[in-house]
Amino acid sequence: MVIINAMKGREVQLDLGKVMAKRLTITGSMLRSREQEFKTAIARNLEQNIWSLISAGKIKPAIYKTFDAGDASAAHQLMESGEHTGKIVLTFAH
């Protein structure tokens, strides 16, 4: 598990039993303080090694719930509640 953002602050409650049962390794980074060259290298690495796997359907994001763009306020309330696990998606009609 890689933690890149701490939206709810740096102190959290963690169920170590679940971490151990899933044999997780936890690491984190605060990219804000890193130099631009480092961030560029990460973006390039993602483009070369990950985006093609997503496009091929080999890696799929965990989508918690999808909202029509007109319901963006409900989506935002869900996001602020922290009651979700996965991505909250807004869809836009063409």
PDB file of N, CA and C in Angstrom:
ATOM      1  N   MET A   1       0.854  -1.157   0.000  1.00  0.00           N
ATOM      2  CA  MET A   1       0.000   0.000   0.000  1.00  0.00           C
ATOM      3  C   MET A   1       0.902   1.223   0.000  1.00  0.00           C
ATOM      4  N   VAL A   2       0.654   2.118  -0.941  1.00  0.00           N
ATOM      5  CA  VAL A   2       1.420   3.352  -1.049  1.00  0.00           C
ATOM      6  C   VAL A   2       0.514   4.508  -0.683  1.00  0.00           C
ATOM      7  N   ILE A   3       0.935   5.308   0.267  1.00  0.00           N
ATOM      8  CA  ILE A   3       0.161   6.466   0.701  1.00  0.00           C
ATOM      9  C   ILE A   3       0.861   7.708   0.180  1.00  0.00           C
ATOM     10  N   ILE A   4       0.135   8.481  -0.647  1.00  0.00           N
ATOM     11  CA  ILE A   4       0.725   9.685  -1.221  1.00  0.00           C
ATOM     12  C   ILE A   4       0.030  10.938  -0.692  1.00  0.00           C
ATOM     13  N   ASN A   5      -1.086  10.788  -0.028  1.00  0.00           N
ATOM     14  CA  ASN A   5      -1.830  11.936   0.458  1.00  0.00           C
ATOM     15  C   ASN A   5      -2.394  11.586   1.821  1.00  0.00           C
ATOM     16  N   ALA A   6      -2.469  12.549   2.675  1.00  0.00           N
ATOM     17  CA  ALA A   6      -3.030  12.347   4.007  1.00  0.00           C
ATOM     18  C   ALA A   6      -4.145  13.368   4.229  1.00  0.00           C
ATOM     19  N   MET A   7      -5.261  13.179   3.517  1.00  0.00           N
ATOM     20  CA  MET A   7      -6.352  14.153   3.550  1.00  0.00           C
ATOM     21  C   MET A   7      -6.953  14.322   4.947  1.00  0.00           C
ATOM     22  N   LYS A   8      -6.916  13.281   5.747  1.00  0.00           N
ATOM     23  CA  LYS A   8      -7.520  13.362   7.079  1.00  0.00           C
ATOM     24  C   LYS A   8      -6.470  13.596   8.163  1.00  0.00           C
ATOM     25  N   GLY A   9      -5.272  13.968   7.776  1.00  0.00           N
ATOM     26  CA  GLY A   9      -4.223  14.231   8.748  1.00  0.00           C
ATOM     27  C   GLY A   9      -3.250  13.083   8.859  1.00  0.00           C
ATOM     28  N   ARG A  10      -2.223  13.293   9.621  1.00  0.00           N
ATOM     29  CA  ARG A  10      -1.145  12.309   9.689  1.00  0.00           C
ATOM     30  C   ARG A  10      -1.392  11.204  10.702  1.00  0.00           C
ATOM     31  N   GLU A  11      -2.356  11.363  11.589  1.00  0.00           N
ATOM     32  CA  GLU A  11      -2.631  10.334  12.577  1.00  0.00           C
ATOM     33  C   GLU A  11      -3.911   9.604  12.204  1.00  0.00           C
ATOM     34  N   VAL A  12      -3.832   8.267  12.144  1.00  0.00           N
ATOM     35  CA  VAL A  12      -4.976   7.438  11.760  1.00  0.00           C
ATOM     36  C   VAL A  12      -5.051   6.225  12.666  1.00  0.00           C
ATOM     37  N   GLN A  13      -6.231   5.598  12.693  1.00  0.00           N
ATOM     38  CA  GLN A  13      -6.368   4.303  13.350  1.00  0.00           C
ATOM     39  C   GLN A  13      -6.164   3.249  12.282  1.00  0.00           C
ATOM     40  N   LEU A  14      -5.418   2.212  12.614  1.00  0.00           N
ATOM     41  CA  LEU A  14      -5.067   1.195  11.639  1.00  0.00           C
ATOM     42  C   LEU A  14      -5.281  -0.181  12.253  1.00  0.00           C
ATOM     43  N   ASP A  15      -6.013  -1.034  11.564  1.00  0.00           N
ATOM     44  CA  ASP A  15      -6.234  -2.401  12.006  1.00  0.00           C
ATOM     45  C   ASP A  15      -5.048  -3.244  11.542  1.00  0.00           C
ATOM     46  N   LEU A  16      -4.092  -3.464  12.418  1.00  0.00           N
ATOM     47  CA  LEU A  16      -2.891  -4.210  12.051  1.00  0.00           C
ATOM     48  C   LEU A  16      -3.196  -5.653  11.687  1.00  0.00           C
ATOM     49  N   GLY A  17      -4.287  -6.207  12.219  1.00  0.00           N
ATOM     50  CA  GLY A  17      -4.685  -7.562  11.848  1.00  0.00           C
ATOM     51  C   GLY A  17      -4.972  -7.662  10.364  1.00  0.00           C
ATOM     52  N   LYS A  18      -5.664  -6.655   9.807  1.00  0.00           N
ATOM     53  CA  LYS A  18      -5.952  -6.652   8.367  1.00  0.00           C
ATOM     54  C   LYS A  18      -4.676  -6.460   7.554  1.00  0.00           C
ATOM     55  N   VAL A  19      -3.791  -5.611   8.033  1.00  0.00           N
ATOM     56  CA  VAL A  19      -2.521  -5.395   7.341  1.00  0.00           C
ATOM     57  C   VAL A  19      -1.735  -6.699   7.288  1.00  0.00           C
ATOM     58  N   MET A  20      -1.679  -7.384   8.400  1.00  0.00           N
ATOM     59  CA  MET A  20      -0.910  -8.634   8.444  1.00  0.00           C
ATOM     60  C   MET A  20      -1.596  -9.744   7.655  1.00  0.00           C
ATOM     61  N   ALA A  21      -2.934  -9.813   7.726  1.00  0.00           N
ATOM     62  CA  ALA A  21      -3.656 -10.857   6.992  1.00  0.00           C
ATOM     63  C   ALA A  21      -3.463 -10.712   5.483  1.00  0.00           C
ATOM     64  N   LYS A  22      -3.356  -9.475   5.009  1.00  0.00           N
ATOM     65  CA  LYS A  22      -3.156  -9.243   3.580  1.00  0.00           C
ATOM     66  C   LYS A  22      -1.678  -9.150   3.225  1.00  0.00           C
ATOM     67  N   ARG A  23      -0.827  -9.283   4.241  1.00  0.00           N
ATOM     68  CA  ARG A  23       0.625  -9.210   4.056  1.00  0.00           C
ATOM     69  C   ARG A  23       1.046  -7.934   3.327  1.00  0.00           C
ATOM     70  N   LEU A  24       0.482  -6.825   3.766  1.00  0.00           N
ATOM     71  CA  LEU A  24       0.763  -5.540   3.126  1.00  0.00           C
ATOM     72  C   LEU A  24       2.111  -4.981   3.555  1.00  0.00           C
ATOM     73  N   THR A  25       2.686  -4.246   2.650  1.00  0.00           N
ATOM     74  CA  THR A  25       3.834  -3.400   2.945  1.00  0.00           C
ATOM     75  C   THR A  25       3.325  -1.972   2.785  1.00  0.00           C
ATOM     76  N   ILE A  26       3.561  -1.148   3.765  1.00  0.00           N
ATOM     77  CA  ILE A  26       3.055   0.218   3.736  1.00  0.00           C
ATOM     78  C   ILE A  26       4.230   1.173   3.574  1.00  0.00           C
ATOM     79  N   THR A  27       4.090   2.079   2.628  1.00  0.00           N
ATOM     80  CA  THR A  27       5.097   3.118   2.425  1.00  0.00           C
ATOM     81  C   THR A  27       4.372   4.409   2.074  1.00  0.00           C
ATOM     82  N   GLY A  28       5.045   5.518   2.140  1.00  0.00           N
ATOM     83  CA  GLY A  28       4.406   6.785   1.824  1.00  0.00           C
ATOM     84  C   GLY A  28       5.415   7.816   1.368  1.00  0.00           C
ATOM     85  N   SER A  29       4.878   8.875   0.782  1.00  0.00           N
ATOM     86  CA  SER A  29       5.732   9.955   0.298  1.00  0.00           C
ATOM     87  C   SER A  29       4.953  11.247   0.278  1.00  0.00           C
ATOM     88  N   MET A  30       5.644  12.313   0.497  1.00  0.00           N
ATOM     89  CA  MET A  30       5.071  13.644   0.340  1.00  0.00           C
ATOM     90  C   MET A  30       5.772  14.255  -0.869  1.00  0.00           C
ATOM     91  N   LEU A  31       5.112  14.205  -2.008  1.00  0.00           N
ATOM     92  CA  LEU A  31       5.741  14.651  -3.247  1.00  0.00           C
ATOM     93  C   LEU A  31       5.897  16.167  -3.326  1.00  0.00           C
ATOM     94  N   ARG A  32       5.142  16.905  -2.548  1.00  0.00           N
ATOM     95  CA  ARG A  32       5.194  18.367  -2.637  1.00  0.00           C
ATOM     96  C   ARG A  32       6.610  18.895  -2.466  1.00  0.00           C
ATOM     97  N   SER A  33       7.374  18.308  -1.550  1.00  0.00           N
ATOM     98  CA  SER A  33       8.717  18.821  -1.260  1.00  0.00           C
ATOM     99  C   SER A  33       9.790  18.282  -2.205  1.00  0.00           C
ATOM    100  N   ARG A  34       9.410  17.366  -3.098  1.00  0.00           N
ATOM    101  CA  ARG A  34      10.396  16.780  -4.012  1.00  0.00           C
ATOM    102  C   ARG A  34      10.654  17.695  -5.199  1.00  0.00           C
ATOM    103  N   GLU A  35      11.846  17.582  -5.787  1.00  0.00           N
ATOM    104  CA  GLU A  35      12.224  18.424  -6.920  1.00  0.00           C
ATOM    105  C   GLU A  35      11.428  18.023  -8.175  1.00  0.00           C
ATOM    106  N   GLN A  36      11.289  18.960  -9.095  1.00  0.00           N
ATOM    107  CA  GLN A  36      10.504  18.752 -10.305  1.00  0.00           C
ATOM    108  C   GLN A  36      11.026  17.591 -11.142  1.00  0.00           C
ATOM    109  N   GLU A  37      12.338  17.410 -11.210  1.00  0.00           N
ATOM    110  CA  GLU A  37      12.919  16.310 -11.981  1.00  0.00           C
ATOM    111  C   GLU A  37      12.443  14.953 -11.446  1.00  0.00           C
ATOM    112  N   PHE A  38      12.330  14.838 -10.133  1.00  0.00           N
ATOM    113  CA  PHE A  38      11.862  13.604  -9.507  1.00  0.00           C
ATOM    114  C   PHE A  38      10.406  13.329  -9.904  1.00  0.00           C
ATOM    115  N   LYS A  39       9.574  14.358  -9.828  1.00  0.00           N
ATOM    116  CA  LYS A  39       8.163  14.215 -10.196  1.00  0.00           C
ATOM    117  C   LYS A  39       8.011  13.881 -11.678  1.00  0.00           C
ATOM    118  N   THR A  40       8.838  14.480 -12.515  1.00  0.00           N
ATOM    119  CA  THR A  40       8.811  14.196 -13.955  1.00  0.00           C
ATOM    120  C   THR A  40       9.189  12.739 -14.214  1.00  0.00           C
ATOM    121  N   ALA A  41      10.178  12.233 -13.497  1.00  0.00           N
ATOM    122  CA  ALA A  41      10.595  10.837 -13.666  1.00  0.00           C
ATOM    123  C   ALA A  41       9.468   9.888 -13.255  1.00  0.00           C
ATOM    124  N   ILE A  42       8.745  10.212 -12.208  1.00  0.00           N
ATOM    125  CA  ILE A  42       7.607   9.384 -11.790  1.00  0.00           C
ATOM    126  C   ILE A  42       6.549   9.367 -12.889  1.00  0.00           C
ATOM    127  N   ALA A  43       6.221  10.544 -13.422  1.00  0.00           N
ATOM    128  CA  ALA A  43       5.209  10.630 -14.487  1.00  0.00           C
ATOM    129  C   ALA A  43       5.641   9.830 -15.713  1.00  0.00           C
ATOM    130  N   ARG A  44       6.889   9.934 -16.087  1.00  0.00           N
ATOM    131  CA  ARG A  44       7.411   9.201 -17.252  1.00  0.00           C
ATOM    132  C   ARG A  44       7.353   7.693 -17.007  1.00  0.00           C
ATOM    133  N   ASN A  45       7.716   7.261 -15.816  1.00  0.00           N
ATOM    134  CA  ASN A  45       7.682   5.850 -15.461  1.00  0.00           C
ATOM    135  C   ASN A  45       6.244   5.317 -15.499  1.00  0.00           C
ATOM    136  N   LEU A  46       5.302   6.092 -14.973  1.00  0.00           N
ATOM    137  CA  LEU A  46       3.893   5.688 -15.035  1.00  0.00           C
ATOM    138  C   LEU A  46       3.425   5.546 -16.481  1.00  0.00           C
ATOM    139  N   GLU A  47       3.788   6.515 -17.300  1.00  0.00           N
ATOM    140  CA  GLU A  47       3.379   6.483 -18.711  1.00  0.00           C
ATOM    141  C   GLU A  47       3.937   5.245 -19.411  1.00  0.00           C
ATOM    142  N   GLN A  48       5.185   4.922 -19.144  1.00  0.00           N
ATOM    143  CA  GLN A  48       5.831   3.803 -19.828  1.00  0.00           C
ATOM    144  C   GLN A  48       5.397   2.438 -19.301  1.00  0.00           C
ATOM    145  N   ASN A  49       5.086   2.329 -18.017  1.00  0.00           N
ATOM    146  CA  ASN A  49       4.888   1.014 -17.415  1.00  0.00           C
ATOM    147  C   ASN A  49       3.486   0.720 -16.889  1.00  0.00           C
ATOM    148  N   ILE A  50       2.691   1.735 -16.662  1.00  0.00           N
ATOM    149  CA  ILE A  50       1.400   1.503 -16.007  1.00  0.00           C
ATOM    150  C   ILE A  50       0.206   1.831 -16.896  1.00  0.00           C
ATOM    151  N   TRP A  51       0.222   2.977 -17.581  1.00  0.00           N
ATOM    152  CA  TRP A  51      -0.967   3.395 -18.344  1.00  0.00           C
ATOM    153  C   TRP A  51      -1.381   2.358 -19.378  1.00  0.00           C
ATOM    154  N   SER A  52      -0.435   1.681 -20.015  1.00  0.00           N
ATOM    155  CA  SER A  52      -0.801   0.657 -21.002  1.00  0.00           C
ATOM    156  C   SER A  52      -1.527  -0.517 -20.333  1.00  0.00           C
ATOM    157  N   LEU A  53      -1.150  -0.856 -19.104  1.00  0.00           N
ATOM    158  CA  LEU A  53      -1.829  -1.917 -18.377  1.00  0.00           C
ATOM    159  C   LEU A  53      -3.259  -1.510 -18.025  1.00  0.00           C
ATOM    160  N   ILE A  54      -3.447  -0.239 -17.710  1.00  0.00           N
ATOM    161  CA  ILE A  54      -4.800   0.263 -17.425  1.00  0.00           C
ATOM    162  C   ILE A  54      -5.630   0.236 -18.703  1.00  0.00           C
ATOM    163  N   SER A  55      -5.058   0.702 -19.806  1.00  0.00           N
ATOM    164  CA  SER A  55      -5.765   0.704 -21.089  1.00  0.00           C
ATOM    165  C   SER A  55      -6.149  -0.704 -21.516  1.00  0.00           C
ATOM    166  N   ALA A  56      -5.306  -1.685 -21.222  1.00  0.00           N
ATOM    167  CA  ALA A  56      -5.567  -3.078 -21.599  1.00  0.00           C
ATOM    168  C   ALA A  56      -6.520  -3.777 -20.630  1.00  0.00           C
ATOM    169  N   GLY A  57      -6.912  -3.089 -19.557  1.00  0.00           N
ATOM    170  CA  GLY A  57      -7.822  -3.683 -18.587  1.00  0.00           C
ATOM    171  C   GLY A  57      -7.161  -4.628 -17.611  1.00  0.00           C
ATOM    172  N   LYS A  58      -5.825  -4.638 -17.591  1.00  0.00           N
ATOM    173  CA  LYS A  58      -5.108  -5.530 -16.666  1.00  0.00           C
ATOM    174  C   LYS A  58      -5.047  -4.948 -15.256  1.00  0.00           C
ATOM    175  N   ILE A  59      -5.143  -3.638 -15.163  1.00  0.00           N
ATOM    176  CA  ILE A  59      -5.231  -2.942 -13.873  1.00  0.00           C
ATOM    177  C   ILE A  59      -6.509  -2.123 -13.925  1.00  0.00           C
ATOM    178  N   LYS A  60      -7.361  -2.307 -12.940  1.00  0.00           N
ATOM    179  CA  LYS A  60      -8.631  -1.588 -12.910  1.00  0.00           C
ATOM    180  C   LYS A  60      -8.751  -0.814 -11.600  1.00  0.00           C
ATOM    181  N   PRO A  61      -9.146   0.446 -11.679  1.00  0.00           N
ATOM    182  CA  PRO A  61      -9.330   1.209 -10.445  1.00  0.00           C
ATOM    183  C   PRO A  61     -10.534   0.672  -9.670  1.00  0.00           C
ATOM    184  N   ALA A  62     -10.473   0.776  -8.369  1.00  0.00           N
ATOM    185  CA  ALA A  62     -11.608   0.388  -7.528  1.00  0.00           C
ATOM    186  C   ALA A  62     -12.587   1.551  -7.500  1.00  0.00           C
ATOM    187  N   ILE A  63     -13.699   1.402  -8.198  1.00  0.00           N
ATOM    188  CA  ILE A  63     -14.704   2.466  -8.269  1.00  0.00           C
ATOM    189  C   ILE A  63     -15.776   2.183  -7.226  1.00  0.00           C
ATOM    190  N   TYR A  64     -15.939   3.105  -6.297  1.00  0.00           N
ATOM    191  CA  TYR A  64     -16.916   2.953  -5.230  1.00  0.00           C
ATOM    192  C   TYR A  64     -18.318   3.316  -5.707  1.00  0.00           C
ATOM    193  N   LYS A  65     -18.425   4.470  -6.374  1.00  0.00           N
ATOM    194  CA  LYS A  65     -19.734   4.922  -6.834  1.00  0.00           C
ATOM    195  C   LYS A  65     -19.561   5.920  -7.971  1.00  0.00           C
ATOM    196  N   THR A  66     -20.509   5.898  -8.905  1.00  0.00           N
ATOM    197  CA  THR A  66     -20.519   6.813 -10.039  1.00  0.00           C
ATOM    198  C   THR A  66     -21.710   7.750  -9.913  1.00  0.00           C
ATOM    199  N   PHE A  67     -21.466   9.034 -10.153  1.00  0.00           N
ATOM    200  CA  PHE A  67     -22.508  10.049 -10.095  1.00  0.00           C
ATOM    201  C   PHE A  67     -22.581  10.784 -11.426  1.00  0.00           C
ATOM    202  N   ASP A  68     -23.773  11.192 -11.825  1.00  0.00           N
ATOM    203  CA  ASP A  68     -23.935  12.114 -12.939  1.00  0.00           C
ATOM    204  C   ASP A  68     -23.347  13.456 -12.501  1.00  0.00           C
ATOM    205  N   ALA A  69     -22.775  14.194 -13.420  1.00  0.00           N
ATOM    206  CA  ALA A  69     -22.142  15.469 -13.077  1.00  0.00           C
ATOM    207  C   ALA A  69     -23.109  16.416 -12.372  1.00  0.00           C
ATOM    208  N   GLY A  70     -24.390  16.299 -12.678  1.00  0.00           N
ATOM    209  CA  GLY A  70     -25.384  17.140 -12.017  1.00  0.00           C
ATOM    210  C   GLY A  70     -25.515  16.843 -10.528  1.00  0.00           C
ATOM    211  N   ASP A  71     -25.039  15.683 -10.113  1.00  0.00           N
ATOM    212  CA  ASP A  71     -25.068  15.291  -8.703  1.00  0.00           C
ATOM    213  C   ASP A  71     -23.698  15.457  -8.044  1.00  0.00           C
ATOM    214  N   ALA A  72     -22.910  16.379  -8.566  1.00  0.00           N
ATOM    215  CA  ALA A  72     -21.552  16.571  -8.046  1.00  0.00           C
ATOM    216  C   ALA A  72     -21.548  16.914  -6.562  1.00  0.00           C
ATOM    217  N   SER A  73     -22.562  17.637  -6.098  1.00  0.00           N
ATOM    218  CA  SER A  73     -22.585  17.987  -4.673  1.00  0.00           C
ATOM    219  C   SER A  73     -22.751  16.735  -3.815  1.00  0.00           C
ATOM    220  N   ALA A  74     -23.563  15.776  -4.257  1.00  0.00           N
ATOM    221  CA  ALA A  74     -23.719  14.520  -3.513  1.00  0.00           C
ATOM    222  C   ALA A  74     -22.408  13.737  -3.527  1.00  0.00           C
ATOM    223  N   ALA A  75     -21.718  13.743  -4.671  1.00  0.00           N
ATOM    224  CA  ALA A  75     -20.431  13.059  -4.772  1.00  0.00           C
ATOM    225  C   ALA A  75     -19.421  13.696  -3.820  1.00  0.00           C
ATOM    226  N   HIS A  76     -19.442  15.009  -3.754  1.00  0.00           N
ATOM    227  CA  HIS A  76     -18.516  15.721  -2.878  1.00  0.00           C
ATOM    228  C   HIS A  76     -18.828  15.434  -1.416  1.00  0.00           C
ATOM    229  N   GLN A  77     -20.104  15.357  -1.076  1.00  0.00           N
ATOM    230  CA  GLN A  77     -20.481  15.021   0.307  1.00  0.00           C
ATOM    231  C   GLN A  77     -19.971  13.627   0.669  1.00  0.00           C
ATOM    232  N   LEU A  78     -20.116  12.681  -0.253  1.00  0.00           N
ATOM    233  CA  LEU A  78     -19.612  11.329  -0.008  1.00  0.00           C
ATOM    234  C   LEU A  78     -18.102  11.357   0.197  1.00  0.00           C
ATOM    235  N   MET A  79     -17.410  12.109  -0.643  1.00  0.00           N
ATOM    236  CA  MET A  79     -15.961  12.194  -0.529  1.00  0.00           C
ATOM    237  C   MET A  79     -15.559  12.769   0.831  1.00  0.00           C
ATOM    238  N   GLU A  80     -16.232  13.833   1.246  1.00  0.00           N
ATOM    239  CA  GLU A  80     -15.907  14.464   2.524  1.00  0.00           C
ATOM    240  C   GLU A  80     -16.224  13.558   3.711  1.00  0.00           C
ATOM    241  N   SER A  81     -17.226  12.684   3.562  1.00  0.00           N
ATOM    242  CA  SER A  81     -17.617  11.816   4.669  1.00  0.00           C
ATOM    243  C   SER A  81     -16.556  10.767   4.981  1.00  0.00           C
ATOM    244  N   GLY A  82     -15.768  10.408   3.971  1.00  0.00           N
ATOM    245  CA  GLY A  82     -14.758   9.374   4.170  1.00  0.00           C
ATOM    246  C   GLY A  82     -15.348   7.978   4.291  1.00  0.00           C
ATOM    247  N   GLU A  83     -16.619   7.834   3.950  1.00  0.00           N
ATOM    248  CA  GLU A  83     -17.305   6.549   4.080  1.00  0.00           C
ATOM    249  C   GLU A  83     -17.069   5.621   2.890  1.00  0.00           C
ATOM    250  N   HIS A  84     -16.212   6.000   1.978  1.00  0.00           N
ATOM    251  CA  HIS A  84     -16.009   5.206   0.766  1.00  0.00           C
ATOM    252  C   HIS A  84     -14.619   4.578   0.744  1.00  0.00           C
ATOM    253  N   THR A  85     -14.509   3.524  -0.026  1.00  0.00           N
ATOM    254  CA  THR A  85     -13.223   2.906  -0.317  1.00  0.00           C
ATOM    255  C   THR A  85     -13.157   2.785  -1.828  1.00  0.00           C
ATOM    256  N   GLY A  86     -12.264   3.487  -2.448  1.00  0.00           N
ATOM    257  CA  GLY A  86     -12.179   3.488  -3.903  1.00  0.00           C
ATOM    258  C   GLY A  86     -12.511   4.860  -4.451  1.00  0.00           C
ATOM    259  N   LYS A  87     -12.614   4.914  -5.762  1.00  0.00           N
ATOM    260  CA  LYS A  87     -12.802   6.175  -6.463  1.00  0.00           C
ATOM    261  C   LYS A  87     -14.267   6.559  -6.570  1.00  0.00           C
ATOM    262  N   ILE A  88     -14.508   7.851  -6.540  1.00  0.00           N
ATOM    263  CA  ILE A  88     -15.822   8.419  -6.797  1.00  0.00           C
ATOM    264  C   ILE A  88     -15.717   9.062  -8.169  1.00  0.00           C
ATOM    265  N   VAL A  89     -16.608   8.662  -9.089  1.00  0.00           N
ATOM    266  CA  VAL A  89     -16.508   9.072 -10.490  1.00  0.00           C
ATOM    267  C   VAL A  89     -17.683   9.958 -10.865  1.00  0.00           C
ATOM    268  N   LEU A  90     -17.408  11.046 -11.580  1.00  0.00           N
ATOM    269  CA  LEU A  90     -18.446  11.888 -12.181  1.00  0.00           C
ATOM    270  C   LEU A  90     -18.525  11.564 -13.652  1.00  0.00           C
ATOM    271  N   THR A  91     -19.740  11.385 -14.164  1.00  0.00           N
ATOM    272  CA  THR A  91     -19.924  11.143 -15.603  1.00  0.00           C
ATOM    273  C   THR A  91     -20.582  12.364 -16.220  1.00  0.00           C
ATOM    274  N   PHE A  92     -20.227  12.642 -17.470  1.00  0.00           N
ATOM    275  CA  PHE A  92     -20.751  13.778 -18.200  1.00  0.00           C
ATOM    276  C   PHE A  92     -21.409  13.276 -19.476  1.00  0.00           C
ATOM    277  N   ALA A  93     -22.657  13.709 -19.702  1.00  0.00           N
ATOM    278  CA  ALA A  93     -23.366  13.320 -20.930  1.00  0.00           C
ATOM    279  C   ALA A  93     -22.737  14.060 -22.097  1.00  0.00           C
ATOM    280  N   HIS A  94     -22.734  13.411 -23.253  1.00  0.00           N
ATOM    281  CA  HIS A  94     -22.145  14.029 -24.454  1.00  0.00           C
ATOM    282  C   HIS A  94     -23.155  14.903 -25.141  1.00  0.00           C
TER     283      HIS A  94
END
